[in-house]
C-alpha atoms as a PDB file:
ATOM      1  CA  UNK A   1     104.079 119.664  97.376  1.00  0.00           C
ATOM      2  CA  UNK A   2     101.652 120.381 100.220  1.00  0.00           C
ATOM      3  CA  UNK A   3     101.303 118.395 103.437  1.00  0.00           C
ATOM      4  CA  UNK A   4      97.866 118.525 105.061  1.00  0.00           C
ATOM      5  CA  UNK A   5      97.103 117.050 108.471  1.00  0.00           C
ATOM      6  CA  UNK A   6      93.779 115.595 109.474  1.00  0.00           C
ATOM      7  CA  UNK A   7      92.801 115.873 113.125  1.00  0.00           C
ATOM      8  CA  UNK A   8      93.590 112.226 113.996  1.00  0.00           C
ATOM      9  CA  UNK A   9      97.363 112.611 114.498  1.00  0.00           C
ATOM     10  CA  UNK A  10      98.699 116.134 113.819  1.00  0.00           C
ATOM     11  CA  UNK A  11     101.905 115.496 115.817  1.00  0.00           C
ATOM     12  CA  UNK A  12     103.086 112.833 113.366  1.00  0.00           C
ATOM     13  CA  UNK A  13     102.212 115.138 110.452  1.00  0.00           C
ATOM     14  CA  UNK A  14     104.407 117.869 112.015  1.00  0.00           C
ATOM     15  CA  UNK A  15     107.334 115.447 112.317  1.00  0.00           C
ATOM     16  CA  UNK A  16     106.965 114.481 108.658  1.00  0.00           C
ATOM     17  CA  UNK A  17     106.787 118.126 107.559  1.00  0.00           C
ATOM     18  CA  UNK A  18     109.890 119.011 109.609  1.00  0.00           C
ATOM     19  CA  UNK A  19     111.815 116.152 108.025  1.00  0.00           C
ATOM     20  CA  UNK A  20     110.769 117.423 104.584  1.00  0.00           C
ATOM     21  CA  UNK A  21     111.791 120.955 105.624  1.00  0.00           C
ATOM     22  CA  UNK A  22     108.360 122.365 104.942  1.00  0.00           C
ATOM     23  CA  UNK A  23     105.340 123.602 106.873  1.00  0.00           C
ATOM     24  CA  UNK A  24     101.957 121.949 107.185  1.00  0.00           C
ATOM     25  CA  UNK A  25      99.369 123.386 104.837  1.00  0.00           C
ATOM     26  CA  UNK A  26      96.716 125.580 106.428  1.00  0.00           C
ATOM     27  CA  UNK A  27      93.455 123.724 106.922  1.00  0.00           C
ATOM     28  CA  UNK A  28      90.477 124.393 109.166  1.00  0.00           C
ATOM     29  CA  UNK A  29      88.630 121.383 110.592  1.00  0.00           C
ATOM     30  CA  UNK A  30      85.548 122.035 112.664  1.00  0.00           C
ATOM     31  CA  UNK A  31      82.044 120.711 113.235  1.00  0.00           C
ATOM     32  CA  UNK A  32      78.570 122.001 112.592  1.00  0.00           C
ATOM     33  CA  UNK A  33      76.235 122.065 115.617  1.00  0.00           C
ATOM     34  CA  UNK A  34      74.765 118.695 114.582  1.00  0.00           C
ATOM     35  CA  UNK A  35      78.234 117.074 114.651  1.00  0.00           C
ATOM     36  CA  UNK A  36      78.917 117.008 110.908  1.00  0.00           C
ATOM     37  CA  UNK A  37      82.513 117.674 109.870  1.00  0.00           C
ATOM     38  CA  UNK A  38      83.363 120.977 108.220  1.00  0.00           C
ATOM     39  CA  UNK A  39      86.560 121.208 106.154  1.00  0.00           C
ATOM     40  CA  UNK A  40      88.201 124.311 104.736  1.00  0.00           C
ATOM     41  CA  UNK A  41      91.602 124.214 103.006  1.00  0.00           C
ATOM     42  CA  UNK A  42      92.794 127.790 103.475  1.00  0.00           C
ATOM     43  CA  UNK A  43      95.779 128.102 101.134  1.00  0.00           C
ATOM     44  CA  UNK A  44      96.056 127.603  97.389  1.00  0.00           C
ATOM     45  CA  UNK A  45      96.906 124.052  96.338  1.00  0.00           C
ATOM     46  CA  UNK A  46      96.050 124.196  92.635  1.00  0.00           C
ATOM     47  CA  UNK A  47      98.507 122.089  90.573  1.00  0.00           C
ATOM     48  CA  UNK A  48     100.226 120.877  93.761  1.00  0.00           C
ATOM     49  CA  UNK A  49     100.771 117.273  94.858  1.00  0.00           C
ATOM     50  CA  UNK A  50      98.834 117.076  98.125  1.00  0.00           C
ATOM     51  CA  UNK A  51      99.639 114.547 100.854  1.00  0.00           C
ATOM     52  CA  UNK A  52      96.991 114.035 103.541  1.00  0.00           C
ATOM     53  CA  UNK A  53      98.312 112.525 106.787  1.00  0.00           C
ATOM     54  CA  UNK A  54      95.498 110.708 108.563  1.00  0.00           C
ATOM     55  CA  UNK A  55      95.391 107.411 110.472  1.00  0.00           C
ATOM     56  CA  UNK A  56      91.843 106.041 110.439  1.00  0.00           C
ATOM     57  CA  UNK A  57      91.522 105.419 114.170  1.00  0.00           C
ATOM     58  CA  UNK A  58      87.786 106.059 114.376  1.00  0.00           C
ATOM     59  CA  UNK A  59      85.111 105.876 111.715  1.00  0.00           C
ATOM     60  CA  UNK A  60      84.881 109.677 111.686  1.00  0.00           C
ATOM     61  CA  UNK A  61      88.563 109.832 110.702  1.00  0.00           C
ATOM     62  CA  UNK A  62      87.702 108.004 107.480  1.00  0.00           C
ATOM     63  CA  UNK A  63      84.966 110.556 106.734  1.00  0.00           C
ATOM     64  CA  UNK A  64      87.354 113.418 107.505  1.00  0.00           C
ATOM     65  CA  UNK A  65      90.033 111.980 105.205  1.00  0.00           C
ATOM     66  CA  UNK A  66      87.524 111.690 102.366  1.00  0.00           C
ATOM     67  CA  UNK A  67      86.212 115.228 102.877  1.00  0.00           C
ATOM     68  CA  UNK A  68      89.734 116.698 102.879  1.00  0.00           C
ATOM     69  CA  UNK A  69      90.455 114.781  99.680  1.00  0.00           C
ATOM     70  CA  UNK A  70      87.306 116.059  98.006  1.00  0.00           C
ATOM     71  CA  UNK A  71      88.117 119.627  99.064  1.00  0.00           C
ATOM     72  CA  UNK A  72      91.587 119.229  97.538  1.00  0.00           C
ATOM     73  CA  UNK A  73      90.005 117.860  94.366  1.00  0.00           C
ATOM     74  CA  UNK A  74      87.636 120.840  94.163  1.00  0.00           C
ATOM     75  CA  UNK A  75      90.680 123.112  94.477  1.00  0.00           C
ATOM     76  CA  UNK A  76      92.290 121.352  91.497  1.00  0.00           C
ATOM     77  CA  UNK A  77      95.184 119.668  93.225  1.00  0.00           C
ATOM     78  CA  UNK A  78      97.467 117.966  90.718  1.00  0.00           C
ATOM     79  CA  UNK A  79      97.502 114.716  92.683  1.00  0.00           C
ATOM     80  CA  UNK A  80      96.062 113.634  96.034  1.00  0.00           C
ATOM     81  CA  UNK A  81      97.904 111.062  98.113  1.00  0.00           C
ATOM     82  CA  UNK A  82      96.532 109.661 101.369  1.00  0.00           C
ATOM     83  CA  UNK A  83      99.215 108.714 103.891  1.00  0.00           C
ATOM     84  CA  UNK A  84      97.506 106.328 106.320  1.00  0.00           C
ATOM     85  CA  UNK A  85      99.761 105.302 109.234  1.00  0.00           C
ATOM     86  CA  UNK A  86      97.027 103.039 110.633  1.00  0.00           C
ATOM     87  CA  UNK A  87      94.331 101.562 108.392  1.00  0.00           C
ATOM     88  CA  UNK A  88      91.412 100.363 110.481  1.00  0.00           C
ATOM     89  CA  UNK A  89      89.345  97.410 109.243  1.00  0.00           C
ATOM     90  CA  UNK A  90      92.370  95.812 107.527  1.00  0.00           C
ATOM     91  CA  UNK A  91      91.970  92.647 109.622  1.00  0.00           C
ATOM     92  CA  UNK A  92      88.480  92.192 108.140  1.00  0.00           C
ATOM     93  CA  UNK A  93      89.972  91.146 104.829  1.00  0.00           C
ATOM     94  CA  UNK A  94      87.333  88.595 103.851  1.00  0.00           C
ATOM     95  CA  UNK A  95      83.728  87.650 104.559  1.00  0.00           C
ATOM     96  CA  UNK A  96      84.088  85.300 107.511  1.00  0.00           C
ATOM     97  CA  UNK A  97      80.379  84.453 107.912  1.00  0.00           C
ATOM     98  CA  UNK A  98      77.331  84.837 105.727  1.00  0.00           C
ATOM     99  CA  UNK A  99      75.692  88.143 106.531  1.00  0.00           C
ATOM    100  CA  UNK A 100      78.955  89.999 107.230  1.00  0.00           C
ATOM    101  CA  UNK A 101      80.407  92.786 105.055  1.00  0.00           C
ATOM    102  CA  UNK A 102      83.694  92.683 103.187  1.00  0.00           C
ATOM    103  CA  UNK A 103      84.837  95.497 105.467  1.00  0.00           C
ATOM    104  CA  UNK A 104      88.432  96.140 104.398  1.00  0.00           C
ATOM    105  CA  UNK A 105      87.493  96.270 100.722  1.00  0.00           C
ATOM    106  CA  UNK A 106      84.469  98.454 101.400  1.00  0.00           C
ATOM    107  CA  UNK A 107      86.562 101.022 103.306  1.00  0.00           C
ATOM    108  CA  UNK A 108      89.161 100.972 100.519  1.00  0.00           C
ATOM    109  CA  UNK A 109      86.468 101.743  97.942  1.00  0.00           C
ATOM    110  CA  UNK A 110      85.028 104.565 100.078  1.00  0.00           C
ATOM    111  CA  UNK A 111      88.471 106.179 100.317  1.00  0.00           C
ATOM    112  CA  UNK A 112      89.068 105.703  96.604  1.00  0.00           C
ATOM    113  CA  UNK A 113      85.716 107.261  95.695  1.00  0.00           C
ATOM    114  CA  UNK A 114      86.655 110.528  97.433  1.00  0.00           C
ATOM    115  CA  UNK A 115      89.091 111.429  94.653  1.00  0.00           C
ATOM    116  CA  UNK A 116      92.313 110.163  96.208  1.00  0.00           C
ATOM    117  CA  UNK A 117      94.808 109.157  93.506  1.00  0.00           C
ATOM    118  CA  UNK A 118      97.216 107.064  95.570  1.00  0.00           C
ATOM    119  CA  UNK A 119      97.508 105.638  99.092  1.00  0.00           C
ATOM    120  CA  UNK A 120     100.501 104.898 101.316  1.00  0.00           C
ATOM    121  CA  UNK A 121      99.571 102.530 104.156  1.00  0.00           C
ATOM    122  CA  UNK A 122     101.826 101.525 107.042  1.00  0.00           C
ATOM    123  CA  UNK A 123     101.916  97.861 108.094  1.00  0.00           C
ATOM    124  CA  UNK A 124      98.293  96.790 107.531  1.00  0.00           C
ATOM    125  CA  UNK A 125      97.266  93.551 109.199  1.00  0.00           C
ATOM    126  CA  UNK A 126      96.482  91.986 105.840  1.00  0.00           C
ATOM    127  CA  UNK A 127      98.717  92.218 102.782  1.00  0.00           C
ATOM    128  CA  UNK A 128      95.596  91.583 100.708  1.00  0.00           C
ATOM    129  CA  UNK A 129      94.673  95.235 101.262  1.00  0.00           C
ATOM    130  CA  UNK A 130      96.824  96.337  98.331  1.00  0.00           C
ATOM    131  CA  UNK A 131      94.532  94.425  95.966  1.00  0.00           C
ATOM    132  CA  UNK A 132      91.355  96.078  97.277  1.00  0.00           C
ATOM    133  CA  UNK A 133      92.264  99.378  95.608  1.00  0.00           C
ATOM    134  CA  UNK A 134      92.173 100.112  91.892  1.00  0.00           C
ATOM    135  CA  UNK A 135      94.418 103.140  92.465  1.00  0.00           C
ATOM    136  CA  UNK A 136      98.138 102.692  93.315  1.00  0.00           C
ATOM    137  CA  UNK A 137      98.468 101.405  96.898  1.00  0.00           C
ATOM    138  CA  UNK A 138     101.842 101.064  98.587  1.00  0.00           C
ATOM    139  CA  UNK A 139     102.128  99.022 101.782  1.00  0.00           C
ATOM    140  CA  UNK A 140     104.984 100.300 103.930  1.00  0.00           C
ATOM    141  CA  UNK A 141     106.724  98.009 106.397  1.00  0.00           C
ATOM    142  CA  UNK A 142     107.933  99.506 109.669  1.00  0.00           C
ATOM    143  CA  UNK A 143     110.568  96.774 109.973  1.00  0.00           C
ATOM    144  CA  UNK A 144     113.331  99.193 108.962  1.00  0.00           C
ATOM    145  CA  UNK A 145     112.706 101.670 111.791  1.00  0.00           C
ATOM    146  CA  UNK A 146     113.039  98.872 114.360  1.00  0.00           C
ATOM    147  CA  UNK A 147     115.885  97.014 112.641  1.00  0.00           C
ATOM    148  CA  UNK A 148     117.893 100.261 112.335  1.00  0.00           C
ATOM    149  CA  UNK A 149     117.714 100.611 116.111  1.00  0.00           C
ATOM    150  CA  UNK A 150     118.774  97.037 116.841  1.00  0.00           C
ATOM    151  CA  UNK A 151     121.498  96.913 114.188  1.00  0.00           C
ATOM    152  CA  UNK A 152     123.592  99.169 116.414  1.00  0.00           C
ATOM    153  CA  UNK A 153     123.598  96.529 119.172  1.00  0.00           C
ATOM    154  CA  UNK A 154     125.336  93.206 119.737  1.00  0.00           C
ATOM    155  CA  UNK A 155     122.884  90.578 118.481  1.00  0.00           C
ATOM    156  CA  UNK A 156     125.081  87.473 118.764  1.00  0.00           C
ATOM    157  CA  UNK A 157     122.645  85.579 121.005  1.00  0.00           C
ATOM    158  CA  UNK A 158     119.395  86.958 119.547  1.00  0.00           C
ATOM    159  CA  UNK A 159     116.744  85.309 117.387  1.00  0.00           C
ATOM    160  CA  UNK A 160     113.429  86.417 115.875  1.00  0.00           C
ATOM    161  CA  UNK A 161     110.189  84.567 116.703  1.00  0.00           C
ATOM    162  CA  UNK A 162     107.043  84.406 114.557  1.00  0.00           C
ATOM    163  CA  UNK A 163     104.089  84.023 116.917  1.00  0.00           C
ATOM    164  CA  UNK A 164     101.722  82.457 114.397  1.00  0.00           C
ATOM    165  CA  UNK A 165     101.336  81.558 110.735  1.00  0.00           C
ATOM    166  CA  UNK A 166     100.017  85.014 109.856  1.00  0.00           C
ATOM    167  CA  UNK A 167     103.144  86.667 111.261  1.00  0.00           C
ATOM    168  CA  UNK A 168     105.654  84.510 109.358  1.00  0.00           C
ATOM    169  CA  UNK A 169     106.097  86.772 106.316  1.00  0.00           C
ATOM    170  CA  UNK A 170     106.687  89.994 108.267  1.00  0.00           C
ATOM    171  CA  UNK A 171     108.828  88.159 110.855  1.00  0.00           C
ATOM    172  CA  UNK A 172     110.968  86.657 108.094  1.00  0.00           C
ATOM    173  CA  UNK A 173     111.453  90.091 106.560  1.00  0.00           C
ATOM    174  CA  UNK A 174     112.478  91.462 109.968  1.00  0.00           C
ATOM    175  CA  UNK A 175     114.874  88.560 110.600  1.00  0.00           C
ATOM    176  CA  UNK A 176     116.526  89.135 107.211  1.00  0.00           C
ATOM    177  CA  UNK A 177     116.936  92.845 107.998  1.00  0.00           C
ATOM    178  CA  UNK A 178     118.933  91.873 111.103  1.00  0.00           C
ATOM    179  CA  UNK A 179     120.542  88.726 109.682  1.00  0.00           C
ATOM    180  CA  UNK A 180     119.088  86.667 112.530  1.00  0.00           C
ATOM    181  CA  UNK A 181     117.618  83.135 112.600  1.00  0.00           C
ATOM    182  CA  UNK A 182     113.839  82.789 112.711  1.00  0.00           C
ATOM    183  CA  UNK A 183     111.887  80.369 114.910  1.00  0.00           C
ATOM    184  CA  UNK A 184     108.183  79.540 114.757  1.00  0.00           C
ATOM    185  CA  UNK A 185     105.589  79.166 117.499  1.00  0.00           C
ATOM    186  CA  UNK A 186     102.542  77.003 116.940  1.00  0.00           C
ATOM    187  CA  UNK A 187      99.343  78.376 118.452  1.00  0.00           C
ATOM    188  CA  UNK A 188      96.291  76.449 119.572  1.00  0.00           C
ATOM    189  CA  UNK A 189      93.089  77.345 117.699  1.00  0.00           C
ATOM    190  CA  UNK A 190      91.390  80.414 119.188  1.00  0.00           C
ATOM    191  CA  UNK A 191      88.471  79.520 121.451  1.00  0.00           C
ATOM    192  CA  UNK A 192      85.374  80.852 119.669  1.00  0.00           C
ATOM    193  CA  UNK A 193      83.572  81.496 122.959  1.00  0.00           C
ATOM    194  CA  UNK A 194      86.323  83.196 124.997  1.00  0.00           C
ATOM    195  CA  UNK A 195      88.761  84.286 122.275  1.00  0.00           C
ATOM    196  CA  UNK A 196      91.613  82.746 124.275  1.00  0.00           C
ATOM    197  CA  UNK A 197      94.648  81.153 122.676  1.00  0.00           C
ATOM    198  CA  UNK A 198      97.596  79.050 123.813  1.00  0.00           C
ATOM    199  CA  UNK A 199     100.857  77.709 122.424  1.00  0.00           C
ATOM    200  CA  UNK A 200     101.737  74.099 121.662  1.00  0.00           C
ATOM    201  CA  UNK A 201     105.363  73.976 120.546  1.00  0.00           C
ATOM    202  CA  UNK A 202     108.361  75.787 119.112  1.00  0.00           C
ATOM    203  CA  UNK A 203     110.133  74.979 115.881  1.00  0.00           C
ATOM    204  CA  UNK A 204     113.713  76.096 116.554  1.00  0.00           C
ATOM    205  CA  UNK A 205     116.233  76.388 119.400  1.00  0.00           C
ATOM    206  CA  UNK A 206     115.286  78.876 122.129  1.00  0.00           C
ATOM    207  CA  UNK A 207     117.120  78.066 125.397  1.00  0.00           C
ATOM    208  CA  UNK A 208     119.637  80.721 126.403  1.00  0.00           C
ATOM    209  CA  UNK A 209     118.608  83.064 123.577  1.00  0.00           C
ATOM    210  CA  UNK A 210     117.185  86.565 123.580  1.00  0.00           C
ATOM    211  CA  UNK A 211     114.045  86.804 121.455  1.00  0.00           C
ATOM    212  CA  UNK A 212     112.780  89.601 119.232  1.00  0.00           C
ATOM    213  CA  UNK A 213     109.139  89.555 118.197  1.00  0.00           C
ATOM    214  CA  UNK A 214     107.916  91.726 115.326  1.00  0.00           C
ATOM    215  CA  UNK A 215     104.176  92.171 114.801  1.00  0.00           C
ATOM    216  CA  UNK A 216     101.830  94.631 113.158  1.00  0.00           C
ATOM    217  CA  UNK A 217      99.667  95.601 116.137  1.00  0.00           C
ATOM    218  CA  UNK A 218      98.889  94.911 119.762  1.00  0.00           C
ATOM    219  CA  UNK A 219      95.324  95.368 121.034  1.00  0.00           C
ATOM    220  CA  UNK A 220      94.466  93.209 124.045  1.00  0.00           C
ATOM    221  CA  UNK A 221      98.064  91.954 124.311  1.00  0.00           C
ATOM    222  CA  UNK A 222      96.860  88.397 124.942  1.00  0.00           C
ATOM    223  CA  UNK A 223      98.935  86.688 122.232  1.00  0.00           C
ATOM    224  CA  UNK A 224     102.108  88.633 123.026  1.00  0.00           C
ATOM    225  CA  UNK A 225     101.842  88.093 126.788  1.00  0.00           C
ATOM    226  CA  UNK A 226     101.142  84.357 126.515  1.00  0.00           C
ATOM    227  CA  UNK A 227     103.885  83.891 123.931  1.00  0.00           C
ATOM    228  CA  UNK A 228     106.373  85.607 126.239  1.00  0.00           C
ATOM    229  CA  UNK A 229     105.421  83.342 129.139  1.00  0.00           C
ATOM    230  CA  UNK A 230     105.748  80.311 126.850  1.00  0.00           C
ATOM    231  CA  UNK A 231     109.211  81.427 125.679  1.00  0.00           C
ATOM    232  CA  UNK A 232     110.446  82.189 129.185  1.00  0.00           C
ATOM    233  CA  UNK A 233     109.276  78.762 130.390  1.00  0.00           C
ATOM    234  CA  UNK A 234     111.534  77.298 127.721  1.00  0.00           C
ATOM    235  CA  UNK A 235     114.564  79.215 129.029  1.00  0.00           C
ATOM    236  CA  UNK A 236     114.533  82.266 126.761  1.00  0.00           C
ATOM    237  CA  UNK A 237     116.535  85.050 128.424  1.00  0.00           C
ATOM    238  CA  UNK A 238     114.880  88.277 127.265  1.00  0.00           C
ATOM    239  CA  UNK A 239     111.789  88.803 125.138  1.00  0.00           C
ATOM    240  CA  UNK A 240     111.587  92.153 123.351  1.00  0.00           C
ATOM    241  CA  UNK A 241     108.575  93.067 121.218  1.00  0.00           C
ATOM    242  CA  UNK A 242     108.594  95.427 118.236  1.00  0.00           C
ATOM    243  CA  UNK A 243     105.027  96.361 117.360  1.00  0.00           C
ATOM    244  CA  UNK A 244     104.091  98.911 114.712  1.00  0.00           C
ATOM    245  CA  UNK A 245     100.635  99.882 115.988  1.00  0.00           C
ATOM    246  CA  UNK A 246      99.978 100.349 119.720  1.00  0.00           C
ATOM    247  CA  UNK A 247      96.190 100.407 119.910  1.00  0.00           C
ATOM    248  CA  UNK A 248      94.220 102.312 122.504  1.00  0.00           C
ATOM    249  CA  UNK A 249      92.492  99.358 124.160  1.00  0.00           C
ATOM    250  CA  UNK A 250      91.363  99.575 127.782  1.00  0.00           C
ATOM    251  CA  UNK A 251      93.715  97.818 130.191  1.00  0.00           C
ATOM    252  CA  UNK A 252      96.462  97.150 127.617  1.00  0.00           C
ATOM    253  CA  UNK A 253      99.231  99.239 129.275  1.00  0.00           C
ATOM    254  CA  UNK A 254      98.578  97.623 132.661  1.00  0.00           C
ATOM    255  CA  UNK A 255      98.614  94.101 131.201  1.00  0.00           C
ATOM    256  CA  UNK A 256     101.869  94.725 129.346  1.00  0.00           C
ATOM    257  CA  UNK A 257     103.510  96.295 132.392  1.00  0.00           C
ATOM    258  CA  UNK A 258     102.649  93.274 134.566  1.00  0.00           C
ATOM    259  CA  UNK A 259     103.761  90.749 131.919  1.00  0.00           C
ATOM    260  CA  UNK A 260     107.137  89.056 131.540  1.00  0.00           C
ATOM    261  CA  UNK A 261     107.928  91.067 128.406  1.00  0.00           C
ATOM    262  CA  UNK A 262     111.231  92.871 128.989  1.00  0.00           C
ATOM    263  CA  UNK A 263     110.792  95.773 126.569  1.00  0.00           C
ATOM    264  CA  UNK A 264     108.256  96.905 123.999  1.00  0.00           C
ATOM    265  CA  UNK A 265     109.156  99.109 121.023  1.00  0.00           C
ATOM    266  CA  UNK A 266     106.263 100.753 119.176  1.00  0.00           C
ATOM    267  CA  UNK A 267     105.955 103.309 116.410  1.00  0.00           C
ATOM    268  CA  UNK A 268     104.016 106.565 116.631  1.00  0.00           C
ATOM    269  CA  UNK A 269     101.587 105.500 113.894  1.00  0.00           C
ATOM    270  CA  UNK A 270      98.899 106.331 116.456  1.00  0.00           C
ATOM    271  CA  UNK A 271      98.917 109.103 119.061  1.00  0.00           C
ATOM    272  CA  UNK A 272     100.042 107.782 122.459  1.00  0.00           C
ATOM    273  CA  UNK A 273      98.636 109.602 125.468  1.00  0.00           C
ATOM    274  CA  UNK A 274     100.834 110.038 128.535  1.00  0.00           C
ATOM    275  CA  UNK A 275      98.626 107.714 130.583  1.00  0.00           C
ATOM    276  CA  UNK A 276      99.250 104.891 128.070  1.00  0.00           C
ATOM    277  CA  UNK A 277     103.027 105.154 128.310  1.00  0.00           C
ATOM    278  CA  UNK A 278     104.775 102.661 130.565  1.00  0.00           C
ATOM    279  CA  UNK A 279     108.294 101.987 131.816  1.00  0.00           C
ATOM    280  CA  UNK A 280     108.805  99.160 129.322  1.00  0.00           C
ATOM    281  CA  UNK A 281     107.588 101.228 126.361  1.00  0.00           C
ATOM    282  CA  UNK A 282     109.961 102.787 123.816  1.00  0.00           C
ATOM    283  CA  UNK A 283     108.587 104.896 120.945  1.00  0.00           C
ATOM    284  CA  UNK A 284     110.324 105.136 117.551  1.00  0.00           C
ATOM    285  CA  UNK A 285     108.948 107.698 115.110  1.00  0.00           C
ATOM    286  CA  UNK A 286     107.700 106.898 111.624  1.00  0.00           C
ATOM    287  CA  UNK A 287     108.382 110.517 110.628  1.00  0.00           C
ATOM    288  CA  UNK A 288     111.688 109.952 108.756  1.00  0.00           C
ATOM    289  CA  UNK A 289     110.423 106.811 106.993  1.00  0.00           C
ATOM    290  CA  UNK A 290     107.183 108.446 105.822  1.00  0.00           C
ATOM    291  CA  UNK A 291     108.992 111.622 104.789  1.00  0.00           C
ATOM    292  CA  UNK A 292     111.255 109.503 102.582  1.00  0.00           C
ATOM    293  CA  UNK A 293     108.280 107.686 101.027  1.00  0.00           C
ATOM    294  CA  UNK A 294     106.514 110.996 100.381  1.00  0.00           C
ATOM    295  CA  UNK A 295     109.635 112.399  98.719  1.00  0.00           C
ATOM    296  CA  UNK A 296     109.804 109.296  96.512  1.00  0.00           C
ATOM    297  CA  UNK A 297     106.212 109.841  95.378  1.00  0.00           C
ATOM    298  CA  UNK A 298     106.844 113.533  94.732  1.00  0.00           C
ATOM    299  CA  UNK A 299     109.951 112.878  92.639  1.00  0.00           C
ATOM    300  CA  UNK A 300     108.547 109.801  90.906  1.00  0.00           C
ATOM    301  CA  UNK A 301     111.058 107.332  92.383  1.00  0.00           C
END
C-alpha cells in the first residue's frame, strides 16, 4: 500500500498516513512556466495499491488528481483509489435548466477516465453521486466522527433537527447514531432573485431542548444562521451545528461568530487557515475514519 498526497490538503494525508503507521509516498508536484501541472512519482509503486488523498477544492485540484492517477497507472500500480474528502460539483447533480451541464456526472467521468479504479468520497451533497461512476464508489458519512464525540456527553435534553427536506436522510442517520429524537423544519422556497430563505414551522417539540444540527457543508451560512434564530425564538436552549465541510467563503467566519449558534463542529475535510478559525469552531479530524476505510479497501473488507 502507498499513500500519495496531492497538494490540496497534505496535512490530512499526513494524519491518515500516521494512523496507518506508514509514510506518505514521495511525489513531486510542480508547475511549468505556463502554469501547467507537472507530476513525478519518485518511488516505485509497481504492483502496489495506491491511495491518492485529494479534496477537489479548485478545478486545478481535479486536474492534479487525474494526472497523479495517470502517473500511477503508467508505473503499473496494482490498483488506484482516489480518496476525496470534498467532492466539488456534487450539488450540481442534475440539469436544472436547458443549456446547463450535468456537472457532477461530468466530473465523475473525468476522474474515472484518468485510470482510477475506485473512489472514496466523504459526505457529498448528493447521494446520487454514487450512481454517476461506473467504477466502485463508496460514499462515507462523517456522522460517526461527530456522534462519537457527543456520545460521551449527557444528551437527555437534546434533539436533532433536519433543516430541510434534503437534510432528512443524513439527519435521521445522525439521530439514530445518538439515539435522539428528530424534528423537522419547513423552509420557505428560496427567492430566485436574492437566494434568501426563511422558515415556516417546526414538526416536533423544541421548547427547553438543546438542538444538534448535522449537515454536509456550510458556505454562506445563511440557512444555518436563520434556522438557529428560528429555533431560539421558539425557546430552544442551545443550538450546536455539526458540519462536515467548512467551505472557504468570504465573510463566513464573521457571520457565524456573530450568529446565535452556540458551537460549530467541523471536520478537516478541507484545510482551515488560522484566519478562518473562530471561538465557536471545533475541528474533529477525519484522519482515523479515512485510515480505517483505506485499510478496509486494502484488506478487501
